[in-house]
All heavy atoms as atom14 arrays in JSON, in Angstrom:
{
  "sequence": "AAILQKFNDINYICVRFPFVIGKDDYTGRLIKYIKC",
  "atom14_mask": [
    [1, 1, 1, 1, 1, 0, 0, 0, 0, 0, 0, 0, 0, 0],
    [1, 1, 1, 1, 1, 0, 0, 0, 0, 0, 0, 0, 0, 0],
    [1, 1, 1, 1, 1, 1, 1, 1, 0, 0, 0, 0, 0, 0],
    [1, 1, 1, 1, 1, 1, 1, 1, 0, 0, 0, 0, 0, 0],
    [1, 1, 1, 1, 1, 1, 1, 1, 1, 0, 0, 0, 0, 0],
    [1, 1, 1, 1, 1, 1, 1, 1, 1, 0, 0, 0, 0, 0],
    [1, 1, 1, 1, 1, 1, 1, 1, 1, 1, 1, 0, 0, 0],
    [1, 1, 1, 1, 1, 1, 1, 1, 0, 0, 0, 0, 0, 0],
    [1, 1, 1, 1, 1, 1, 1, 1, 0, 0, 0, 0, 0, 0],
    [1, 1, 1, 1, 1, 1, 1, 1, 0, 0, 0, 0, 0, 0],
    [1, 1, 1, 1, 1, 1, 1, 1, 0, 0, 0, 0, 0, 0],
    [1, 1, 1, 1, 1, 1, 1, 1, 1, 1, 1, 1, 0, 0],
    [1, 1, 1, 1, 1, 1, 1, 1, 0, 0, 0, 0, 0, 0],
    [1, 1, 1, 1, 1, 1, 0, 0, 0, 0, 0, 0, 0, 0],
    [1, 1, 1, 1, 1, 1, 1, 0, 0, 0, 0, 0, 0, 0],
    [1, 1, 1, 1, 1, 1, 1, 1, 1, 1, 1, 0, 0, 0],
    [1, 1, 1, 1, 1, 1, 1, 1, 1, 1, 1, 0, 0, 0],
    [1, 1, 1, 1, 1, 1, 1, 0, 0, 0, 0, 0, 0, 0],
    [1, 1, 1, 1, 1, 1, 1, 1, 1, 1, 1, 0, 0, 0],
    [1, 1, 1, 1, 1, 1, 1, 0, 0, 0, 0, 0, 0, 0],
    [1, 1, 1, 1, 1, 1, 1, 1, 0, 0, 0, 0, 0, 0],
    [1, 1, 1, 1, 0, 0, 0, 0, 0, 0, 0, 0, 0, 0],
    [1, 1, 1, 1, 1, 1, 1, 1, 1, 0, 0, 0, 0, 0],
    [1, 1, 1, 1, 1, 1, 1, 1, 0, 0, 0, 0, 0, 0],
    [1, 1, 1, 1, 1, 1, 1, 1, 0, 0, 0, 0, 0, 0],
    [1, 1, 1, 1, 1, 1, 1, 1, 1, 1, 1, 1, 0, 0],
    [1, 1, 1, 1, 1, 1, 1, 0, 0, 0, 0, 0, 0, 0],
    [1, 1, 1, 1, 0, 0, 0, 0, 0, 0, 0, 0, 0, 0],
    [1, 1, 1, 1, 1, 1, 1, 1, 1, 1, 1, 0, 0, 0],
    [1, 1, 1, 1, 1, 1, 1, 1, 0, 0, 0, 0, 0, 0],
    [1, 1, 1, 1, 1, 1, 1, 1, 0, 0, 0, 0, 0, 0],
    [1, 1, 1, 1, 1, 1, 1, 1, 1, 0, 0, 0, 0, 0],
    [1, 1, 1, 1, 1, 1, 1, 1, 1, 1, 1, 1, 0, 0],
    [1, 1, 1, 1, 1, 1, 1, 1, 0, 0, 0, 0, 0, 0],
    [1, 1, 1, 1, 1, 1, 1, 1, 1, 0, 0, 0, 0, 0],
    [1, 1, 1, 1, 1, 1, 0, 0, 0, 0, 0, 0, 0, 0]
  ],
  "atom14_positions": [
    [[0.85, -1.2, -0.05], [-0.02, 0.03, -0.01], [0.94, 1.19, 0.02], [0.54, 2.23, -0.72], [-0.95, -0.02, 1.14], [0.0, 0.0, 0.0], [0.0, 0.0, 0.0], [0.0, 0.0, 0.0], [0.0, 0.0, 0.0], [0.0, 0.0, 0.0], [0.0, 0.0, 0.0], [0.0, 0.0, 0.0], [0.0, 0.0, 0.0], [0.0, 0.0, 0.0]],
    [[1.95, 1.25, 0.72], [2.79, 2.41, 0.84], [3.47, 2.66, -0.58], [3.53, 3.84, -1.01], [3.96, 2.15, 1.92], [0.0, 0.0, 0.0], [0.0, 0.0, 0.0], [0.0, 0.0, 0.0], [0.0, 0.0, 0.0], [0.0, 0.0, 0.0], [0.0, 0.0, 0.0], [0.0, 0.0, 0.0], [0.0, 0.0, 0.0], [0.0, 0.0, 0.0]],
    [[3.9, 1.6, -1.21], [4.55, 1.82, -2.49], [3.57, 2.41, -3.51], [3.84, 3.41, -4.21], [5.0, 0.5, -3.05], [6.21, -0.02, -2.21], [5.46, 0.56, -4.47], [7.49, 0.84, -2.23], [0.0, 0.0, 0.0], [0.0, 0.0, 0.0], [0.0, 0.0, 0.0], [0.0, 0.0, 0.0], [0.0, 0.0, 0.0], [0.0, 0.0, 0.0]],
    [[2.39, 1.86, -3.61], [1.36, 2.35, -4.52], [0.72, 3.68, -4.18], [0.39, 4.5, -5.05], [0.29, 1.25, -4.72], [0.7, 0.25, -5.81], [1.61, -0.78, -5.25], [-0.56, -0.47, -6.38], [0.0, 0.0, 0.0], [0.0, 0.0, 0.0], [0.0, 0.0, 0.0], [0.0, 0.0, 0.0], [0.0, 0.0, 0.0], [0.0, 0.0, 0.0]],
    [[0.54, 3.95, -2.88], [-0.09, 5.11, -2.55], [0.76, 6.23, -2.15], [0.37, 7.44, -2.37], [-1.04, 4.82, -1.26], [-2.09, 3.79, -1.54], [-2.89, 3.39, -0.29], [-2.92, 4.17, 0.61], [-3.32, 2.19, -0.36], [0.0, 0.0, 0.0], [0.0, 0.0, 0.0], [0.0, 0.0, 0.0], [0.0, 0.0, 0.0], [0.0, 0.0, 0.0]],
    [[1.95, 6.04, -1.62], [2.82, 7.1, -1.06], [4.0, 7.35, -2.05], [4.64, 8.49, -2.09], [3.33, 6.8, 0.25], [2.19, 6.58, 1.25], [1.34, 7.8, 1.47], [0.23, 7.48, 2.41], [-0.7, 8.6, 2.53], [0.0, 0.0, 0.0], [0.0, 0.0, 0.0], [0.0, 0.0, 0.0], [0.0, 0.0, 0.0], [0.0, 0.0, 0.0]],
    [[4.38, 6.36, -2.84], [5.59, 6.44, -3.65], [5.24, 6.07, -5.1], [6.12, 5.46, -5.79], [6.75, 5.6, -3.2], [7.09, 5.91, -1.75], [6.67, 5.15, -0.72], [8.0, 6.92, -1.42], [7.02, 5.37, 0.64], [8.35, 7.25, -0.2], [7.88, 6.51, 0.87], [0.0, 0.0, 0.0], [0.0, 0.0, 0.0], [0.0, 0.0, 0.0]],
    [[4.12, 6.46, -5.52], [3.63, 5.98, -6.94], [4.36, 6.83, -8.02], [4.06, 6.58, -9.22], [2.17, 6.33, -6.97], [1.68, 7.64, -6.83], [2.4, 8.52, -6.58], [0.33, 7.88, -6.89], [0.0, 0.0, 0.0], [0.0, 0.0, 0.0], [0.0, 0.0, 0.0], [0.0, 0.0, 0.0], [0.0, 0.0, 0.0], [0.0, 0.0, 0.0]],
    [[5.29, 7.69, -7.68], [6.06, 8.33, -8.74], [7.34, 7.63, -9.1], [8.09, 8.1, -10.03], [6.35, 9.76, -8.28], [7.13, 9.87, -7.07], [7.04, 8.89, -6.22], [7.87, 10.91, -6.78], [0.0, 0.0, 0.0], [0.0, 0.0, 0.0], [0.0, 0.0, 0.0], [0.0, 0.0, 0.0], [0.0, 0.0, 0.0], [0.0, 0.0, 0.0]],
    [[7.61, 6.48, -8.59], [8.74, 5.66, -8.96], [8.43, 4.42, -9.57], [7.2, 3.87, -9.47], [9.58, 5.4, -7.64], [8.81, 4.54, -6.67], [10.09, 6.66, -7.04], [9.6, 4.0, -5.54], [0.0, 0.0, 0.0], [0.0, 0.0, 0.0], [0.0, 0.0, 0.0], [0.0, 0.0, 0.0], [0.0, 0.0, 0.0], [0.0, 0.0, 0.0]],
    [[9.23, 3.84, -10.36], [9.0, 2.44, -10.91], [9.1, 1.44, -9.86], [9.99, 1.55, -9.01], [10.01, 2.2, -12.01], [9.73, 3.11, -13.25], [8.65, 3.47, -13.6], [10.88, 3.49, -13.88], [0.0, 0.0, 0.0], [0.0, 0.0, 0.0], [0.0, 0.0, 0.0], [0.0, 0.0, 0.0], [0.0, 0.0, 0.0], [0.0, 0.0, 0.0]],
    [[8.22, 0.48, -9.81], [8.18, -0.55, -8.8], [7.65, -1.84, -9.38], [7.03, -1.88, -10.34], [7.38, -0.06, -7.61], [5.87, 0.02, -7.95], [5.06, -1.08, -7.85], [5.33, 1.18, -8.44], [3.84, -0.99, -8.21], [4.11, 1.33, -8.76], [3.27, 0.24, -8.67], [1.88, 0.29, -9.04], [0.0, 0.0, 0.0], [0.0, 0.0, 0.0]],
    [[7.92, -2.9, -8.63], [7.34, -4.19, -8.85], [7.21, -4.84, -7.48], [8.01, -4.78, -6.67], [8.09, -5.07, -9.81], [7.18, -6.36, -10.12], [9.49, -5.36, -9.32], [7.75, -7.22, -11.24], [0.0, 0.0, 0.0], [0.0, 0.0, 0.0], [0.0, 0.0, 0.0], [0.0, 0.0, 0.0], [0.0, 0.0, 0.0], [0.0, 0.0, 0.0]],
    [[6.01, -5.42, -7.27], [5.81, -6.11, -6.01], [5.55, -7.69, -6.4], [4.73, -7.86, -7.14], [4.5, -5.65, -5.31], [4.62, -3.96, -4.61], [0.0, 0.0, 0.0], [0.0, 0.0, 0.0], [0.0, 0.0, 0.0], [0.0, 0.0, 0.0], [0.0, 0.0, 0.0], [0.0, 0.0, 0.0], [0.0, 0.0, 0.0], [0.0, 0.0, 0.0]],
    [[6.5, -8.42, -5.9], [6.4, -9.87, -6.26], [5.89, -10.6, -5.04], [6.42, -10.47, -3.94], [7.77, -10.41, -6.69], [7.7, -11.78, -7.08], [8.42, -9.52, -7.76], [0.0, 0.0, 0.0], [0.0, 0.0, 0.0], [0.0, 0.0, 0.0], [0.0, 0.0, 0.0], [0.0, 0.0, 0.0], [0.0, 0.0, 0.0], [0.0, 0.0, 0.0]],
    [[4.74, -11.33, -5.3], [4.13, -12.09, -4.16], [4.59, -13.51, -4.21], [3.83, -14.38, -4.77], [2.65, -11.95, -4.21], [2.18, -10.52, -4.0], [0.71, -10.43, -4.18], [0.36, -8.98, -4.03], [-0.8, -8.5, -4.52], [-1.69, -9.27, -5.16], [-1.09, -7.25, -4.36], [0.0, 0.0, 0.0], [0.0, 0.0, 0.0], [0.0, 0.0, 0.0]],
    [[5.71, -13.87, -3.63], [6.16, -15.25, -3.6], [5.35, -16.12, -2.75], [4.96, -15.64, -1.59], [7.57, -15.35, -3.17], [8.58, -14.67, -4.07], [9.21, -13.53, -3.85], [8.93, -15.4, -5.24], [10.1, -12.93, -4.72], [9.81, -14.85, -6.1], [10.42, -13.62, -5.89], [0.0, 0.0, 0.0], [0.0, 0.0, 0.0], [0.0, 0.0, 0.0]],
    [[5.0, -17.3, -3.19], [4.25, -18.28, -2.34], [5.09, -18.92, -1.25], [4.56, -19.48, -0.33], [3.66, -19.23, -3.25], [4.64, -19.25, -4.43], [5.16, -17.89, -4.54], [0.0, 0.0, 0.0], [0.0, 0.0, 0.0], [0.0, 0.0, 0.0], [0.0, 0.0, 0.0], [0.0, 0.0, 0.0], [0.0, 0.0, 0.0], [0.0, 0.0, 0.0]],
    [[6.43, -18.76, -1.35], [7.29, -19.37, -0.35], [8.64, -18.67, -0.52], [8.88, -18.13, -1.57], [7.39, -20.88, -0.56], [7.9, -21.23, -1.94], [9.27, -21.39, -2.2], [7.05, -21.38, -2.97], [9.77, -21.78, -3.41], [7.48, -21.7, -4.3], [8.81, -21.82, -4.45], [0.0, 0.0, 0.0], [0.0, 0.0, 0.0], [0.0, 0.0, 0.0]],
    [[9.54, -18.92, 0.44], [10.89, -18.4, 0.29], [11.81, -19.63, 0.35], [11.62, -20.49, 1.22], [11.21, -17.46, 1.49], [12.61, -16.98, 1.44], [10.21, -16.26, 1.4], [0.0, 0.0, 0.0], [0.0, 0.0, 0.0], [0.0, 0.0, 0.0], [0.0, 0.0, 0.0], [0.0, 0.0, 0.0], [0.0, 0.0, 0.0], [0.0, 0.0, 0.0]],
    [[12.78, -19.71, -0.5], [13.74, -20.79, -0.49], [15.1, -20.3, -0.57], [15.37, -19.14, -0.91], [13.42, -21.73, -1.72], [13.54, -20.97, -2.99], [12.12, -22.4, -1.63], [13.59, -21.8, -4.27], [0.0, 0.0, 0.0], [0.0, 0.0, 0.0], [0.0, 0.0, 0.0], [0.0, 0.0, 0.0], [0.0, 0.0, 0.0], [0.0, 0.0, 0.0]],
    [[16.02, -21.18, -0.32], [17.44, -20.85, -0.37], [18.01, -21.3, -1.75], [17.23, -21.72, -2.62], [0.0, 0.0, 0.0], [0.0, 0.0, 0.0], [0.0, 0.0, 0.0], [0.0, 0.0, 0.0], [0.0, 0.0, 0.0], [0.0, 0.0, 0.0], [0.0, 0.0, 0.0], [0.0, 0.0, 0.0], [0.0, 0.0, 0.0], [0.0, 0.0, 0.0]],
    [[19.35, -21.2, -1.89], [19.91, -21.55, -3.2], [19.82, -22.97, -3.54], [19.88, -23.45, -4.68], [21.3, -21.08, -3.22], [22.27, -21.87, -2.31], [23.7, -21.48, -2.37], [24.54, -22.23, -1.35], [25.97, -22.04, -1.73], [0.0, 0.0, 0.0], [0.0, 0.0, 0.0], [0.0, 0.0, 0.0], [0.0, 0.0, 0.0], [0.0, 0.0, 0.0]],
    [[19.62, -23.89, -2.53], [19.52, -25.33, -2.77], [18.13, -25.88, -2.57], [17.77, -26.54, -1.68], [20.46, -26.08, -1.79], [21.85, -25.73, -1.95], [22.38, -25.53, -3.15], [22.59, -25.55, -0.95], [0.0, 0.0, 0.0], [0.0, 0.0, 0.0], [0.0, 0.0, 0.0], [0.0, 0.0, 0.0], [0.0, 0.0, 0.0], [0.0, 0.0, 0.0]],
    [[17.33, -25.51, -3.52], [15.8, -25.9, -3.49], [15.7, -27.37, -3.91], [15.53, -27.64, -5.14], [15.02, -24.99, -4.38], [13.56, -25.43, -4.41], [13.05, -26.09, -3.49], [12.82, -25.0, -5.41], [0.0, 0.0, 0.0], [0.0, 0.0, 0.0], [0.0, 0.0, 0.0], [0.0, 0.0, 0.0], [0.0, 0.0, 0.0], [0.0, 0.0, 0.0]],
    [[15.78, -28.26, -3.0], [15.58, -29.65, -3.26], [14.21, -30.15, -3.59], [14.03, -31.14, -4.15], [16.07, -30.53, -2.14], [15.36, -30.34, -0.87], [14.2, -31.11, -0.6], [15.65, -29.35, 0.04], [13.39, -30.94, 0.52], [14.91, -29.26, 1.23], [13.8, -29.88, 1.46], [13.0, -29.74, 2.59], [0.0, 0.0, 0.0], [0.0, 0.0, 0.0]],
    [[13.27, -29.17, -3.35], [11.83, -29.56, -3.56], [11.49, -29.34, -5.03], [10.52, -29.96, -5.49], [10.86, -28.69, -2.76], [11.02, -27.35, -3.23], [11.22, -28.72, -1.3], [0.0, 0.0, 0.0], [0.0, 0.0, 0.0], [0.0, 0.0, 0.0], [0.0, 0.0, 0.0], [0.0, 0.0, 0.0], [0.0, 0.0, 0.0], [0.0, 0.0, 0.0]],
    [[12.08, -28.56, -5.84], [11.81, -28.28, -7.18], [10.6, -27.28, -7.37], [10.15, -27.14, -8.49], [0.0, 0.0, 0.0], [0.0, 0.0, 0.0], [0.0, 0.0, 0.0], [0.0, 0.0, 0.0], [0.0, 0.0, 0.0], [0.0, 0.0, 0.0], [0.0, 0.0, 0.0], [0.0, 0.0, 0.0], [0.0, 0.0, 0.0], [0.0, 0.0, 0.0]],
    [[10.11, -26.74, -6.2], [8.89, -25.88, -6.28], [9.08, -24.69, -7.23], [8.21, -24.41, -7.94], [8.53, -25.47, -4.87], [7.87, -26.61, -4.04], [7.47, -26.02, -2.77], [8.65, -25.6, -1.97], [8.57, -25.14, -0.68], [7.47, -25.01, -0.13], [9.7, -24.78, -0.08], [0.0, 0.0, 0.0], [0.0, 0.0, 0.0], [0.0, 0.0, 0.0]],
    [[10.16, -24.07, -7.03], [10.46, -22.86, -7.79], [10.36, -23.12, -9.28], [9.75, -22.43, -10.12], [11.73, -22.17, -7.55], [12.02, -20.83, -8.2], [10.91, -19.79, -7.95], [13.34, -20.33, -7.78], [0.0, 0.0, 0.0], [0.0, 0.0, 0.0], [0.0, 0.0, 0.0], [0.0, 0.0, 0.0], [0.0, 0.0, 0.0], [0.0, 0.0, 0.0]],
    [[10.98, -24.17, -9.75], [10.97, -24.6, -11.14], [9.59, -24.85, -11.61], [9.18, -24.51, -12.69], [11.92, -25.77, -11.39], [13.37, -25.45, -11.08], [11.8, -26.36, -12.85], [13.95, -24.31, -11.91], [0.0, 0.0, 0.0], [0.0, 0.0, 0.0], [0.0, 0.0, 0.0], [0.0, 0.0, 0.0], [0.0, 0.0, 0.0], [0.0, 0.0, 0.0]],
    [[8.92, -25.6, -10.78], [7.43, -25.86, -11.04], [6.63, -24.57, -11.3], [5.85, -24.49, -12.25], [6.79, -26.7, -9.96], [5.32, -26.96, -10.23], [4.74, -27.62, -8.91], [3.23, -27.64, -9.03], [2.6, -28.2, -7.85], [0.0, 0.0, 0.0], [0.0, 0.0, 0.0], [0.0, 0.0, 0.0], [0.0, 0.0, 0.0], [0.0, 0.0, 0.0]],
    [[6.77, -23.65, -10.41], [6.14, -22.42, -10.57], [6.45, -21.55, -11.87], [5.65, -21.02, -12.48], [6.3, -21.43, -9.28], [5.58, -22.07, -8.13], [6.2, -22.07, -6.81], [4.33, -22.65, -8.15], [5.6, -22.52, -5.72], [3.7, -23.2, -7.03], [4.36, -23.15, -5.85], [3.73, -23.63, -4.71], [0.0, 0.0, 0.0], [0.0, 0.0, 0.0]],
    [[7.82, -21.64, -12.07], [8.22, -20.96, -13.31], [7.65, -21.55, -14.55], [7.2, -20.83, -15.42], [9.85, -20.88, -13.33], [10.36, -19.99, -12.21], [10.33, -20.46, -14.73], [11.81, -20.03, -11.96], [0.0, 0.0, 0.0], [0.0, 0.0, 0.0], [0.0, 0.0, 0.0], [0.0, 0.0, 0.0], [0.0, 0.0, 0.0], [0.0, 0.0, 0.0]],
    [[7.63, -22.94, -14.57], [7.02, -23.6, -15.76], [5.55, -23.27, -15.93], [5.08, -23.04, -16.94], [7.23, -25.06, -15.65], [8.6, -25.55, -15.89], [8.8, -27.02, -15.79], [10.2, -27.5, -15.99], [10.4, -28.94, -15.88], [0.0, 0.0, 0.0], [0.0, 0.0, 0.0], [0.0, 0.0, 0.0], [0.0, 0.0, 0.0], [0.0, 0.0, 0.0]],
    [[4.8, -23.25, -14.78], [3.43, -22.91, -14.85], [3.22, -21.56, -15.35], [2.35, -21.25, -16.24], [2.75, -23.01, -13.44], [2.4, -24.7, -12.91], [0.0, 0.0, 0.0], [0.0, 0.0, 0.0], [0.0, 0.0, 0.0], [0.0, 0.0, 0.0], [0.0, 0.0, 0.0], [0.0, 0.0, 0.0], [0.0, 0.0, 0.0], [0.0, 0.0, 0.0]]
  ]
}
């Protein structure tokens, strides 16, 4: 809300990740989401 309402004069992107992972994603979830 702050980005869109108070700082709307700058370029922005809000990414809503469904989870946070480290560099060793043994689950393969990120690849699955990218493919989808």
